[in-house]
Amino acid sequence: MKKSIFFRLTDEEFEQIEAYCQQTGRTKSDVLRELIRKLKTNKKPS
């Protein structure tokens, strides 16, 4: 099941991601998914 998330960006942040997407030919969703996958989690062992 897919989930949606909505959040606000400053004009500068939006312009940054928009420019990056135009340069790379990728969608905003694709870029944000990749960034999320690269996040490291600090899970403590049980």
N, C-alpha and C. Protein backbone atom coordinates (compact mmCIF):
# COMPACT_ATOMS: atom_id res chain seq x y z
N MET A 1 0.84 -1.17 0.00
CA MET A 1 0.00 0.00 0.00
C MET A 1 0.89 1.24 0.00
N LYS A 2 0.56 2.19 -0.84
CA LYS A 2 1.32 3.44 -0.90
C LYS A 2 0.73 4.45 0.08
N LYS A 3 1.58 5.24 0.63
CA LYS A 3 1.17 6.29 1.56
C LYS A 3 1.51 7.64 0.93
N SER A 4 0.83 8.67 1.37
CA SER A 4 1.12 10.02 0.91
C SER A 4 1.60 10.85 2.08
N ILE A 5 2.45 11.81 1.78
CA ILE A 5 2.91 12.74 2.80
C ILE A 5 2.92 14.13 2.17
N PHE A 6 2.46 15.08 2.92
CA PHE A 6 2.41 16.46 2.45
C PHE A 6 3.17 17.34 3.44
N PHE A 7 4.00 18.23 2.91
CA PHE A 7 4.71 19.16 3.79
C PHE A 7 4.97 20.45 3.04
N ARG A 8 5.28 21.47 3.79
CA ARG A 8 5.49 22.80 3.22
C ARG A 8 6.98 23.05 3.02
N LEU A 9 7.29 23.78 1.96
CA LEU A 9 8.66 24.18 1.66
C LEU A 9 8.71 25.70 1.55
N THR A 10 9.88 26.24 1.84
CA THR A 10 10.05 27.66 1.57
C THR A 10 10.15 27.82 0.05
N ASP A 11 10.00 29.03 -0.43
CA ASP A 11 10.15 29.28 -1.86
C ASP A 11 11.53 28.84 -2.35
N GLU A 12 12.54 29.11 -1.53
CA GLU A 12 13.92 28.74 -1.90
C GLU A 12 14.08 27.22 -2.00
N GLU A 13 13.52 26.51 -1.03
CA GLU A 13 13.60 25.04 -1.05
C GLU A 13 12.89 24.48 -2.27
N PHE A 14 11.72 25.03 -2.58
CA PHE A 14 10.97 24.56 -3.73
C PHE A 14 11.74 24.82 -5.02
N GLU A 15 12.33 26.00 -5.13
CA GLU A 15 13.12 26.34 -6.32
C GLU A 15 14.31 25.40 -6.47
N GLN A 16 14.93 25.04 -5.34
CA GLN A 16 16.07 24.13 -5.37
C GLN A 16 15.68 22.76 -5.92
N ILE A 17 14.61 22.20 -5.39
CA ILE A 17 14.21 20.86 -5.85
C ILE A 17 13.69 20.93 -7.28
N GLU A 18 13.00 21.97 -7.62
CA GLU A 18 12.49 22.14 -8.99
C GLU A 18 13.64 22.21 -9.99
N ALA A 19 14.66 23.00 -9.67
CA ALA A 19 15.82 23.13 -10.55
C ALA A 19 16.56 21.80 -10.68
N TYR A 20 16.72 21.10 -9.56
CA TYR A 20 17.41 19.81 -9.58
C TYR A 20 16.66 18.82 -10.46
N CYS A 21 15.35 18.79 -10.32
CA CYS A 21 14.53 17.87 -11.11
C CYS A 21 14.61 18.21 -12.60
N GLN A 22 14.61 19.46 -12.93
CA GLN A 22 14.73 19.85 -14.33
C GLN A 22 16.09 19.47 -14.89
N GLN A 23 17.14 19.65 -14.10
CA GLN A 23 18.50 19.31 -14.54
C GLN A 23 18.67 17.81 -14.75
N THR A 24 18.05 17.02 -13.89
CA THR A 24 18.25 15.57 -13.93
C THR A 24 17.16 14.83 -14.69
N GLY A 25 16.07 15.52 -15.02
CA GLY A 25 14.96 14.89 -15.72
C GLY A 25 14.17 13.93 -14.85
N ARG A 26 14.24 14.12 -13.55
CA ARG A 26 13.54 13.24 -12.60
C ARG A 26 12.38 13.99 -11.97
N THR A 27 11.44 13.22 -11.43
CA THR A 27 10.31 13.84 -10.75
C THR A 27 10.69 14.17 -9.31
N LYS A 28 9.94 15.07 -8.71
CA LYS A 28 10.18 15.41 -7.30
C LYS A 28 9.97 14.17 -6.43
N SER A 29 8.95 13.40 -6.72
CA SER A 29 8.69 12.19 -5.93
C SER A 29 9.87 11.22 -6.00
N ASP A 30 10.41 11.04 -7.18
CA ASP A 30 11.55 10.14 -7.35
C ASP A 30 12.75 10.61 -6.55
N VAL A 31 13.04 11.89 -6.61
CA VAL A 31 14.18 12.46 -5.89
C VAL A 31 13.98 12.33 -4.38
N LEU A 32 12.79 12.65 -3.90
CA LEU A 32 12.53 12.57 -2.47
C LEU A 32 12.56 11.13 -1.96
N ARG A 33 12.05 10.18 -2.75
CA ARG A 33 12.12 8.77 -2.36
C ARG A 33 13.58 8.32 -2.22
N GLU A 34 14.41 8.73 -3.16
CA GLU A 34 15.83 8.36 -3.09
C GLU A 34 16.48 8.94 -1.84
N LEU A 35 16.19 10.18 -1.53
CA LEU A 35 16.77 10.80 -0.34
C LEU A 35 16.32 10.06 0.93
N ILE A 36 15.06 9.68 0.98
CA ILE A 36 14.55 8.95 2.15
C ILE A 36 15.25 7.60 2.28
N ARG A 37 15.45 6.90 1.15
CA ARG A 37 16.13 5.60 1.20
C ARG A 37 17.56 5.73 1.71
N LYS A 38 18.18 6.88 1.48
CA LYS A 38 19.57 7.09 1.89
C LYS A 38 19.70 7.46 3.37
N LEU A 39 18.58 7.75 4.02
CA LEU A 39 18.64 8.13 5.44
C LEU A 39 19.12 6.94 6.27
N LYS A 40 19.99 7.21 7.19
CA LYS A 40 20.46 6.18 8.10
C LYS A 40 19.58 6.21 9.34
N THR A 41 19.24 5.05 9.83
CA THR A 41 18.47 5.00 11.07
C THR A 41 19.38 4.52 12.18
N ASN A 42 19.12 4.97 13.35
CA ASN A 42 19.91 4.59 14.53
C ASN A 42 19.09 3.65 15.40
N LYS A 43 18.77 2.50 14.85
CA LYS A 43 18.00 1.52 15.62
C LYS A 43 18.92 0.82 16.61
N LYS A 44 18.44 0.73 17.83
CA LYS A 44 19.20 0.03 18.87
C LYS A 44 18.86 -1.45 18.83
N PRO A 45 19.85 -2.32 18.95
CA PRO A 45 19.55 -3.74 18.98
C PRO A 45 18.68 -4.10 20.18
N SER A 46 17.80 -5.06 20.01
CA SER A 46 16.88 -5.47 21.10
C SER A 46 17.62 -6.26 22.15
